[in-house]
Amino acid sequence: MRVFAFLVSILTAAPAFAEPKLEDLAFLEGHWRGGEDFVFEEIWSAPEGGVMTGMARGVSSGALRVLEYIVIAEEDDGAIVMRFKHFNADYSTWAGEDEPLTLILKDLDSADATFAADPPTHTVKSIRYWMPEDNTLRVDVAQIENGEEGGFSLVFKRMD
């Protein structure tokens, strides 16, 4: 009977998964650049002091189209949260972005992280950062605009 009880306890026990840590996002660190007609780049700092910071710039036809400042922080409750804003060349924010867009890390597996908003904020539903191969970073952005789901993807190569 003891053996049966032991087997039942093993089979019904919840698996022990480690909570994600900010350091698990270190695969983002570095300078990433992609695109031809629309050149987009992101530069990420290493995780330190409970945060990672990112800067993004989008340029097309020789003109700046967007700047972003991004912060990923490990909150006191253990949640990992991404906050960012879009800026114009004069450092004014995009219309309607009075507050930062906020997404929470929902899924993390090796070099694959998905942040999601619940409910979606300012048209952003989720952002997935993942590495399909060494020195390549893909970013998939799911959006909701005028009630319709859509989005876009960016593919970057490591520059450093």
N, C-alpha and C. Protein backbone atom coordinates (compact mmCIF):
# COMPACT_ATOMS: atom_id res chain seq x y z
N MET A 1 0.82 -1.19 0.00
CA MET A 1 0.00 0.00 0.00
C MET A 1 0.87 1.26 0.00
N ARG A 2 1.96 1.21 0.75
CA ARG A 2 2.86 2.37 0.80
C ARG A 2 3.43 2.66 -0.57
N VAL A 3 3.78 1.65 -1.33
CA VAL A 3 4.33 1.83 -2.67
C VAL A 3 3.29 2.48 -3.57
N PHE A 4 2.03 2.05 -3.47
CA PHE A 4 0.95 2.63 -4.26
C PHE A 4 0.78 4.11 -3.92
N ALA A 5 0.77 4.46 -2.64
CA ALA A 5 0.63 5.85 -2.21
C ALA A 5 1.80 6.69 -2.71
N PHE A 6 2.99 6.14 -2.68
CA PHE A 6 4.17 6.84 -3.17
C PHE A 6 4.05 7.12 -4.67
N LEU A 7 3.63 6.10 -5.45
CA LEU A 7 3.47 6.27 -6.89
C LEU A 7 2.39 7.30 -7.21
N VAL A 8 1.29 7.28 -6.49
CA VAL A 8 0.23 8.26 -6.71
C VAL A 8 0.74 9.67 -6.42
N SER A 9 1.51 9.83 -5.36
CA SER A 9 2.03 11.17 -5.03
C SER A 9 2.99 11.68 -6.10
N ILE A 10 3.78 10.80 -6.69
CA ILE A 10 4.69 11.21 -7.76
C ILE A 10 3.92 11.58 -9.02
N LEU A 11 2.95 10.77 -9.38
CA LEU A 11 2.20 11.00 -10.61
C LEU A 11 1.28 12.20 -10.55
N THR A 12 0.81 12.56 -9.37
CA THR A 12 -0.11 13.69 -9.26
C THR A 12 0.56 14.98 -8.85
N ALA A 13 1.82 14.93 -8.52
CA ALA A 13 2.54 16.14 -8.12
C ALA A 13 2.70 17.07 -9.31
N ALA A 14 2.53 18.35 -9.05
CA ALA A 14 2.71 19.36 -10.11
C ALA A 14 4.19 19.46 -10.45
N PRO A 15 4.53 19.57 -11.72
CA PRO A 15 5.94 19.71 -12.08
C PRO A 15 6.50 21.02 -11.53
N ALA A 16 7.76 20.99 -11.16
CA ALA A 16 8.41 22.18 -10.60
C ALA A 16 9.11 22.93 -11.72
N PHE A 17 8.56 24.07 -12.12
CA PHE A 17 9.17 24.90 -13.15
C PHE A 17 9.75 26.14 -12.49
N ALA A 18 10.91 26.54 -12.93
CA ALA A 18 11.53 27.74 -12.39
C ALA A 18 10.81 28.97 -12.94
N GLU A 19 10.57 29.92 -12.09
CA GLU A 19 9.97 31.18 -12.53
C GLU A 19 10.97 31.90 -13.44
N PRO A 20 10.49 32.52 -14.51
CA PRO A 20 11.42 33.25 -15.38
C PRO A 20 12.07 34.41 -14.63
N LYS A 21 13.29 34.67 -14.97
CA LYS A 21 14.05 35.77 -14.40
C LYS A 21 14.47 36.70 -15.52
N LEU A 22 14.74 37.93 -15.19
CA LEU A 22 15.16 38.92 -16.18
C LEU A 22 16.39 38.44 -16.95
N GLU A 23 17.29 37.76 -16.26
CA GLU A 23 18.51 37.27 -16.89
C GLU A 23 18.22 36.29 -18.03
N ASP A 24 17.03 35.66 -18.01
CA ASP A 24 16.65 34.74 -19.08
C ASP A 24 16.43 35.47 -20.41
N LEU A 25 16.33 36.80 -20.37
CA LEU A 25 16.15 37.60 -21.57
C LEU A 25 17.46 38.16 -22.11
N ALA A 26 18.57 37.70 -21.57
CA ALA A 26 19.89 38.19 -21.99
C ALA A 26 20.16 37.94 -23.47
N PHE A 27 19.42 37.03 -24.11
CA PHE A 27 19.63 36.79 -25.54
C PHE A 27 19.31 38.03 -26.37
N LEU A 28 18.58 38.99 -25.81
CA LEU A 28 18.26 40.24 -26.52
C LEU A 28 19.45 41.20 -26.56
N GLU A 29 20.37 41.07 -25.63
CA GLU A 29 21.48 42.02 -25.49
C GLU A 29 22.24 42.20 -26.80
N GLY A 30 22.55 43.45 -27.12
CA GLY A 30 23.36 43.74 -28.28
C GLY A 30 22.68 44.69 -29.25
N HIS A 31 23.31 44.82 -30.41
CA HIS A 31 22.84 45.73 -31.46
C HIS A 31 22.28 44.88 -32.60
N TRP A 32 21.01 45.10 -32.94
CA TRP A 32 20.30 44.35 -33.96
C TRP A 32 19.82 45.30 -35.04
N ARG A 33 19.92 44.87 -36.31
CA ARG A 33 19.52 45.74 -37.43
C ARG A 33 18.92 44.90 -38.55
N GLY A 34 17.87 45.44 -39.17
CA GLY A 34 17.23 44.70 -40.25
C GLY A 34 16.44 45.61 -41.18
N GLY A 35 16.09 45.08 -42.33
CA GLY A 35 15.28 45.80 -43.29
C GLY A 35 16.10 46.43 -44.40
N GLU A 36 15.39 46.82 -45.47
CA GLU A 36 16.04 47.50 -46.59
C GLU A 36 15.37 48.83 -46.86
N ASP A 37 14.12 48.80 -47.29
CA ASP A 37 13.39 50.05 -47.53
C ASP A 37 13.07 50.76 -46.22
N PHE A 38 12.71 49.95 -45.23
CA PHE A 38 12.48 50.46 -43.88
C PHE A 38 13.50 49.79 -42.99
N VAL A 39 14.50 50.55 -42.56
CA VAL A 39 15.58 50.00 -41.73
C VAL A 39 15.20 50.22 -40.26
N PHE A 40 15.20 49.14 -39.52
CA PHE A 40 14.84 49.21 -38.11
C PHE A 40 15.96 48.58 -37.31
N GLU A 41 16.29 49.19 -36.18
CA GLU A 41 17.32 48.62 -35.32
C GLU A 41 16.92 48.75 -33.87
N GLU A 42 17.40 47.80 -33.08
CA GLU A 42 17.21 47.83 -31.64
C GLU A 42 18.55 47.59 -30.99
N ILE A 43 18.78 48.30 -29.91
CA ILE A 43 20.00 48.13 -29.13
C ILE A 43 19.57 47.87 -27.69
N TRP A 44 19.97 46.72 -27.16
CA TRP A 44 19.56 46.28 -25.82
C TRP A 44 20.75 46.21 -24.87
N SER A 45 20.55 46.72 -23.66
CA SER A 45 21.56 46.59 -22.62
C SER A 45 21.41 45.23 -21.94
N ALA A 46 22.45 44.84 -21.22
CA ALA A 46 22.40 43.61 -20.44
C ALA A 46 21.48 43.80 -19.24
N PRO A 47 20.88 42.72 -18.74
CA PRO A 47 20.07 42.85 -17.53
C PRO A 47 20.96 43.23 -16.35
N GLU A 48 20.57 44.27 -15.67
CA GLU A 48 21.32 44.71 -14.49
C GLU A 48 20.43 45.62 -13.65
N GLY A 49 20.52 45.46 -12.35
CA GLY A 49 19.75 46.32 -11.45
C GLY A 49 18.24 46.11 -11.59
N GLY A 50 17.85 44.93 -12.06
CA GLY A 50 16.44 44.63 -12.20
C GLY A 50 15.79 45.16 -13.47
N VAL A 51 16.59 45.70 -14.40
CA VAL A 51 16.03 46.21 -15.66
C VAL A 51 16.94 45.89 -16.84
N MET A 52 16.31 45.88 -18.01
CA MET A 52 17.00 45.92 -19.30
C MET A 52 16.42 47.12 -20.01
N THR A 53 17.25 47.85 -20.74
CA THR A 53 16.74 48.96 -21.52
C THR A 53 17.03 48.72 -22.99
N GLY A 54 16.10 49.20 -23.81
CA GLY A 54 16.26 49.07 -25.24
C GLY A 54 15.94 50.38 -25.92
N MET A 55 16.63 50.63 -27.02
CA MET A 55 16.39 51.80 -27.86
C MET A 55 16.13 51.26 -29.25
N ALA A 56 15.09 51.81 -29.90
CA ALA A 56 14.78 51.38 -31.26
C ALA A 56 14.65 52.60 -32.15
N ARG A 57 15.03 52.40 -33.43
CA ARG A 57 14.95 53.48 -34.41
C ARG A 57 14.52 52.89 -35.73
N GLY A 58 13.55 53.55 -36.37
CA GLY A 58 13.09 53.14 -37.69
C GLY A 58 13.29 54.27 -38.69
N VAL A 59 13.93 53.98 -39.82
CA VAL A 59 14.25 54.98 -40.83
C VAL A 59 13.81 54.46 -42.20
N SER A 60 13.15 55.32 -42.99
CA SER A 60 12.86 54.97 -44.37
C SER A 60 13.01 56.21 -45.24
N SER A 61 13.47 56.00 -46.46
CA SER A 61 13.72 57.10 -47.41
C SER A 61 14.59 58.19 -46.79
N GLY A 62 15.55 57.77 -45.96
CA GLY A 62 16.48 58.70 -45.35
C GLY A 62 15.89 59.55 -44.23
N ALA A 63 14.66 59.26 -43.80
CA ALA A 63 14.02 60.06 -42.76
C ALA A 63 13.64 59.18 -41.57
N LEU A 64 13.79 59.74 -40.38
CA LEU A 64 13.39 59.04 -39.16
C LEU A 64 11.87 58.90 -39.15
N ARG A 65 11.40 57.68 -38.89
CA ARG A 65 9.96 57.42 -38.82
C ARG A 65 9.50 57.15 -37.39
N VAL A 66 10.37 56.57 -36.58
CA VAL A 66 9.97 56.24 -35.20
C VAL A 66 11.21 56.05 -34.33
N LEU A 67 11.06 56.45 -33.08
CA LEU A 67 12.01 56.14 -32.01
C LEU A 67 11.22 55.44 -30.91
N GLU A 68 11.84 54.51 -30.23
CA GLU A 68 11.21 53.86 -29.09
C GLU A 68 12.21 53.80 -27.95
N TYR A 69 11.69 53.97 -26.75
CA TYR A 69 12.48 53.71 -25.56
C TYR A 69 11.75 52.61 -24.81
N ILE A 70 12.47 51.52 -24.50
CA ILE A 70 11.86 50.32 -23.94
C ILE A 70 12.55 49.97 -22.62
N VAL A 71 11.74 49.60 -21.63
CA VAL A 71 12.27 49.13 -20.35
C VAL A 71 11.60 47.80 -20.03
N ILE A 72 12.40 46.80 -19.75
CA ILE A 72 11.89 45.52 -19.25
C ILE A 72 12.37 45.44 -17.80
N ALA A 73 11.42 45.27 -16.88
CA ALA A 73 11.76 45.27 -15.46
C ALA A 73 11.17 44.07 -14.75
N GLU A 74 11.92 43.58 -13.77
CA GLU A 74 11.43 42.54 -12.90
C GLU A 74 10.76 43.23 -11.72
N GLU A 75 9.45 43.06 -11.59
CA GLU A 75 8.67 43.73 -10.56
C GLU A 75 8.83 43.02 -9.21
N ASP A 76 8.42 43.68 -8.13
CA ASP A 76 8.53 43.11 -6.79
C ASP A 76 7.80 41.78 -6.65
N ASP A 77 6.69 41.61 -7.38
CA ASP A 77 5.92 40.37 -7.29
C ASP A 77 6.49 39.26 -8.19
N GLY A 78 7.61 39.54 -8.87
CA GLY A 78 8.25 38.55 -9.73
C GLY A 78 7.85 38.64 -11.20
N ALA A 79 6.80 39.41 -11.50
CA ALA A 79 6.38 39.57 -12.90
C ALA A 79 7.46 40.32 -13.67
N ILE A 80 7.61 39.98 -14.94
CA ILE A 80 8.54 40.69 -15.81
C ILE A 80 7.69 41.50 -16.78
N VAL A 81 7.88 42.81 -16.75
CA VAL A 81 7.01 43.74 -17.46
C VAL A 81 7.82 44.58 -18.46
N MET A 82 7.26 44.72 -19.66
CA MET A 82 7.85 45.58 -20.69
C MET A 82 6.99 46.84 -20.79
N ARG A 83 7.66 47.99 -20.78
CA ARG A 83 6.99 49.27 -20.99
C ARG A 83 7.74 50.03 -22.07
N PHE A 84 6.98 50.66 -22.98
CA PHE A 84 7.66 51.43 -24.02
C PHE A 84 6.75 52.52 -24.55
N LYS A 85 7.39 53.51 -25.18
CA LYS A 85 6.70 54.61 -25.83
C LYS A 85 7.34 54.85 -27.19
N HIS A 86 6.52 55.37 -28.10
CA HIS A 86 6.99 55.77 -29.43
C HIS A 86 7.18 57.28 -29.45
N PHE A 87 8.25 57.72 -30.11
CA PHE A 87 8.57 59.14 -30.18
C PHE A 87 8.81 59.56 -31.62
N ASN A 88 8.54 60.82 -31.90
CA ASN A 88 8.87 61.45 -33.17
C ASN A 88 10.29 62.00 -33.08
N ALA A 89 10.82 62.51 -34.17
CA ALA A 89 12.18 63.06 -34.20
C ALA A 89 12.37 64.20 -33.21
N ASP A 90 11.31 64.98 -32.93
CA ASP A 90 11.44 66.09 -31.98
C ASP A 90 11.20 65.65 -30.53
N TYR A 91 11.15 64.34 -30.30
CA TYR A 91 10.96 63.71 -29.00
C TYR A 91 9.56 63.88 -28.44
N SER A 92 8.62 64.33 -29.26
CA SER A 92 7.22 64.32 -28.85
C SER A 92 6.70 62.89 -29.00
N THR A 93 5.77 62.51 -28.15
CA THR A 93 5.23 61.16 -28.23
C THR A 93 4.17 61.07 -29.33
N TRP A 94 3.96 59.86 -29.79
CA TRP A 94 2.93 59.64 -30.79
C TRP A 94 1.58 60.01 -30.20
N ALA A 95 0.68 60.46 -31.04
CA ALA A 95 -0.67 60.82 -30.61
C ALA A 95 -1.33 59.64 -29.92
N GLY A 96 -1.93 59.93 -28.77
CA GLY A 96 -2.65 58.89 -28.02
C GLY A 96 -1.78 58.08 -27.08
N GLU A 97 -0.49 58.33 -27.05
CA GLU A 97 0.39 57.57 -26.16
C GLU A 97 0.82 58.44 -24.99
N ASP A 98 -0.14 58.78 -24.15
CA ASP A 98 0.18 59.56 -22.96
C ASP A 98 0.90 58.72 -21.92
N GLU A 99 0.52 57.46 -21.84
CA GLU A 99 1.13 56.52 -20.90
C GLU A 99 1.92 55.49 -21.70
N PRO A 100 2.93 54.87 -21.08
CA PRO A 100 3.67 53.83 -21.80
C PRO A 100 2.77 52.64 -22.10
N LEU A 101 3.05 51.95 -23.19
CA LEU A 101 2.39 50.69 -23.48
C LEU A 101 2.99 49.65 -22.55
N THR A 102 2.17 48.81 -21.95
CA THR A 102 2.63 47.86 -20.94
C THR A 102 2.23 46.45 -21.33
N LEU A 103 3.22 45.57 -21.33
CA LEU A 103 2.99 44.16 -21.64
C LEU A 103 3.68 43.32 -20.59
N ILE A 104 3.14 42.14 -20.32
CA ILE A 104 3.68 41.25 -19.30
C ILE A 104 4.25 40.01 -19.98
N LEU A 105 5.41 39.55 -19.50
CA LEU A 105 6.00 38.33 -20.04
C LEU A 105 5.05 37.18 -19.75
N LYS A 106 4.56 36.54 -20.81
CA LYS A 106 3.60 35.44 -20.67
C LYS A 106 4.20 34.09 -20.98
N ASP A 107 5.24 34.06 -21.81
CA ASP A 107 5.82 32.79 -22.21
C ASP A 107 7.31 32.99 -22.44
N LEU A 108 8.11 32.09 -21.91
CA LEU A 108 9.56 32.17 -22.08
C LEU A 108 10.12 30.77 -22.19
N ASP A 109 10.86 30.54 -23.28
CA ASP A 109 11.49 29.25 -23.50
C ASP A 109 12.80 29.49 -24.24
N SER A 110 13.89 29.36 -23.55
CA SER A 110 15.21 29.58 -24.13
C SER A 110 15.26 30.96 -24.77
N ALA A 111 15.55 31.06 -26.06
CA ALA A 111 15.65 32.36 -26.73
C ALA A 111 14.33 32.67 -27.45
N ASP A 112 13.24 32.64 -26.69
CA ASP A 112 11.90 32.85 -27.24
C ASP A 112 11.02 33.41 -26.13
N ALA A 113 10.65 34.69 -26.25
CA ALA A 113 9.88 35.34 -25.20
C ALA A 113 8.68 36.07 -25.80
N THR A 114 7.52 35.87 -25.18
CA THR A 114 6.31 36.56 -25.63
C THR A 114 5.77 37.42 -24.51
N PHE A 115 5.59 38.70 -24.83
CA PHE A 115 4.98 39.66 -23.93
C PHE A 115 3.57 39.94 -24.44
N ALA A 116 2.59 40.03 -23.54
CA ALA A 116 1.22 40.26 -23.98
C ALA A 116 0.54 41.29 -23.08
N ALA A 117 -0.39 42.02 -23.68
CA ALA A 117 -1.21 42.97 -22.95
C ALA A 117 -2.57 42.33 -22.73
N ASP A 118 -3.11 42.49 -21.53
CA ASP A 118 -4.42 41.93 -21.24
C ASP A 118 -5.20 42.93 -20.40
N PRO A 119 -6.09 43.67 -21.00
CA PRO A 119 -6.50 43.63 -22.40
C PRO A 119 -5.47 44.37 -23.27
N PRO A 120 -5.54 44.20 -24.60
CA PRO A 120 -4.60 44.90 -25.48
C PRO A 120 -4.65 46.41 -25.25
N THR A 121 -3.48 47.03 -25.25
CA THR A 121 -3.41 48.47 -25.01
C THR A 121 -2.90 49.17 -26.26
N HIS A 122 -3.52 50.27 -26.60
CA HIS A 122 -3.05 51.09 -27.73
C HIS A 122 -2.78 50.26 -28.98
N THR A 123 -3.61 49.33 -29.27
CA THR A 123 -3.56 48.46 -30.45
C THR A 123 -2.55 47.32 -30.35
N VAL A 124 -1.70 47.28 -29.35
CA VAL A 124 -0.72 46.20 -29.26
C VAL A 124 -1.30 45.05 -28.44
N LYS A 125 -1.34 43.88 -29.06
CA LYS A 125 -1.84 42.69 -28.39
C LYS A 125 -0.69 41.90 -27.77
N SER A 126 0.38 41.68 -28.56
CA SER A 126 1.53 40.95 -28.05
C SER A 126 2.76 41.23 -28.90
N ILE A 127 3.92 40.96 -28.29
CA ILE A 127 5.21 41.06 -28.99
C ILE A 127 6.00 39.81 -28.63
N ARG A 128 6.46 39.12 -29.66
CA ARG A 128 7.28 37.93 -29.46
C ARG A 128 8.68 38.20 -30.01
N TYR A 129 9.69 38.00 -29.17
CA TYR A 129 11.10 38.06 -29.56
C TYR A 129 11.62 36.63 -29.59
N TRP A 130 12.20 36.21 -30.71
CA TRP A 130 12.74 34.87 -30.76
C TRP A 130 13.87 34.77 -31.77
N MET A 131 14.73 33.78 -31.53
CA MET A 131 15.90 33.59 -32.38
C MET A 131 15.73 32.30 -33.18
N PRO A 132 15.34 32.41 -34.46
CA PRO A 132 15.18 31.21 -35.28
C PRO A 132 16.53 30.56 -35.62
N GLU A 133 17.60 31.34 -35.53
CA GLU A 133 18.95 30.81 -35.75
C GLU A 133 19.93 31.76 -35.07
N ASP A 134 21.19 31.31 -34.93
CA ASP A 134 22.21 32.15 -34.30
C ASP A 134 22.32 33.50 -35.00
N ASN A 135 22.46 34.55 -34.22
CA ASN A 135 22.67 35.92 -34.71
C ASN A 135 21.52 36.47 -35.54
N THR A 136 20.35 35.86 -35.42
CA THR A 136 19.14 36.36 -36.06
C THR A 136 18.06 36.51 -35.00
N LEU A 137 17.48 37.68 -34.91
CA LEU A 137 16.39 37.95 -33.97
C LEU A 137 15.15 38.31 -34.77
N ARG A 138 14.06 37.64 -34.47
CA ARG A 138 12.79 37.95 -35.12
C ARG A 138 11.85 38.54 -34.07
N VAL A 139 11.11 39.56 -34.50
CA VAL A 139 10.13 40.20 -33.63
C VAL A 139 8.78 40.17 -34.34
N ASP A 140 7.82 39.50 -33.72
CA ASP A 140 6.46 39.43 -34.27
C ASP A 140 5.55 40.28 -33.39
N VAL A 141 4.91 41.27 -33.99
CA VAL A 141 4.02 42.18 -33.26
C VAL A 141 2.59 41.90 -33.71
N ALA A 142 1.74 41.50 -32.77
CA ALA A 142 0.31 41.30 -33.05
C ALA A 142 -0.41 42.57 -32.60
N GLN A 143 -1.26 43.09 -33.47
CA GLN A 143 -1.96 44.35 -33.20
C GLN A 143 -3.47 44.18 -33.39
N ILE A 144 -4.19 45.12 -32.82
CA ILE A 144 -5.62 45.24 -33.07
C ILE A 144 -5.86 46.68 -33.48
N GLU A 145 -6.30 46.88 -34.71
CA GLU A 145 -6.60 48.21 -35.22
C GLU A 145 -8.01 48.23 -35.77
N ASN A 146 -8.81 49.16 -35.25
CA ASN A 146 -10.21 49.28 -35.67
C ASN A 146 -10.94 47.94 -35.52
N GLY A 147 -10.64 47.22 -34.45
CA GLY A 147 -11.29 45.95 -34.18
C GLY A 147 -10.77 44.77 -34.98
N GLU A 148 -9.83 45.00 -35.88
CA GLU A 148 -9.28 43.95 -36.73
C GLU A 148 -7.90 43.54 -36.23
N GLU A 149 -7.67 42.22 -36.18
CA GLU A 149 -6.34 41.74 -35.79
C GLU A 149 -5.42 41.74 -36.98
N GLY A 150 -4.19 42.11 -36.74
CA GLY A 150 -3.17 42.14 -37.77
C GLY A 150 -1.81 42.14 -37.11
N GLY A 151 -0.84 42.69 -37.80
CA GLY A 151 0.49 42.77 -37.21
C GLY A 151 1.57 42.78 -38.26
N PHE A 152 2.79 42.65 -37.79
CA PHE A 152 3.94 42.66 -38.69
C PHE A 152 5.10 41.95 -38.00
N SER A 153 6.11 41.64 -38.78
CA SER A 153 7.31 40.99 -38.27
C SER A 153 8.54 41.75 -38.73
N LEU A 154 9.55 41.74 -37.90
CA LEU A 154 10.85 42.33 -38.21
C LEU A 154 11.90 41.24 -38.04
N VAL A 155 12.89 41.21 -38.92
CA VAL A 155 13.99 40.25 -38.81
C VAL A 155 15.27 41.05 -38.73
N PHE A 156 16.04 40.79 -37.66
CA PHE A 156 17.27 41.52 -37.41
C PHE A 156 18.47 40.58 -37.48
N LYS A 157 19.60 41.14 -37.85
CA LYS A 157 20.89 40.45 -37.74
C LYS A 157 21.71 41.15 -36.66
N ARG A 158 22.48 40.36 -35.93
CA ARG A 158 23.33 40.93 -34.87
C ARG A 158 24.44 41.76 -35.52
N MET A 159 24.64 42.96 -35.02
CA MET A 159 25.64 43.87 -35.58
C MET A 159 26.94 43.86 -34.79
N ASP A 160 26.93 43.40 -33.55
CA ASP A 160 28.15 43.45 -32.75
C ASP A 160 28.74 42.10 -32.53
